[in-house]
């Protein structure tokens, strides 16, 4: 240890604390330690060669016997010590930090005469962030870009994004960092000229709603953070069906402007990975544009047009999901129905006629060709005249 001893300090220390650990020999260096409320912090104090077997401790001003925390049974669960004699570093872990733990401490090495001390400054902050929160919105199955500004001294520092608002664990639980710019649905870009890094989240779900922290690592002290609150709104959708060969009209939301924004209709399983259909102006036509909605008409439906569509304006919050089903034409359906009806009619007619020829007597030539209902009902058939009965059956089948 390099240290300085004040004669005044030696004098007053011996007067005030004759049996205490005295006196404070201030080391030339100063150790800064930073921690968050409720968390733990390590205070690491190096010492010189030759002091490996000496007792080490942590205390605060004025470092009397009652101020040595690592010797107190009262504080034994709060302070844990470890002496690495190979590296000559004495470490004290302080757990369960409170805001009032932020103060000046001393790492001490006991020896005959004057103990050696290294000054330690501990800062403790609340484990939440931040007073200002930027709010942003997007929609389910869409995407959102979170912007995170930083200062000129952080250009080459590690950037990261985490969920929640706990700075103490943010870097360890980051969903994306500048050292790995692509992680599933998360992508990080760093514009060093503007000193803004952005994180884009794609294929949003309702569970993505919540608090996020933008973080920049600092070489010393607390990391820098800014807070973002993301709200993911539920994607509205509807089903519609059309007939092959005929037009169908799709209703789409607009962002509030009639003509100054881009309207889109795309087809695909996901909003961020679908094919733009508005390029085909012949088949897909834009009409009935207002500030709140617009229509797209598909002029001649084909079976291949069935599927999932997304339509809306260029705003991330103004689009809708449409499920389109395409059925066969009415003409084709009617033709099949008529064909089936005629087939059934021919079948029953033939059946009745064959049945009549098979059962009727051979005297059919002498029977009058008329088969009026009045004649048949005025003379009810009897067992002596079966021929008229079966001619009546033929007339019912043909009617």
Foldseek 3Di string as FASTA:
>chain_A
DAWADDPVQQVVCCVPAVPFQDDETEHPDEAEWEEEAQAKTKDKDADDPPLLPFDKFKFAPRRGPVGTQCVDPVNVVQWDWDADSVRRIIMIMGGNDDQVVFDKMWIWTDDPDHIYTYIYGYGYYHFFDDPDEAEDEFAALAKDKDKDADDLVQLPFKKFKAFDTGQRCDVVHTQAIPVHQDHPQWGWDADSVRRMIMIMGGNDDQVVFHKMWIWTDDPDDGIDIHIYGYGYHYAAEDEDEEEAFAKDKDKFFEQQDFPPWAKFKFFDPGPVDTHTPVVPCVQWPWADTDRTITMIMGGGDDQVPFHKMKIYTPDSHTIHIYGYGYDYHPVVVVVVVVVVVVVVLVVLLVVLVVVLVVPADPPPVPDDPDLDPVVCVVDPDDPVHCNNVSVVSNVVSND
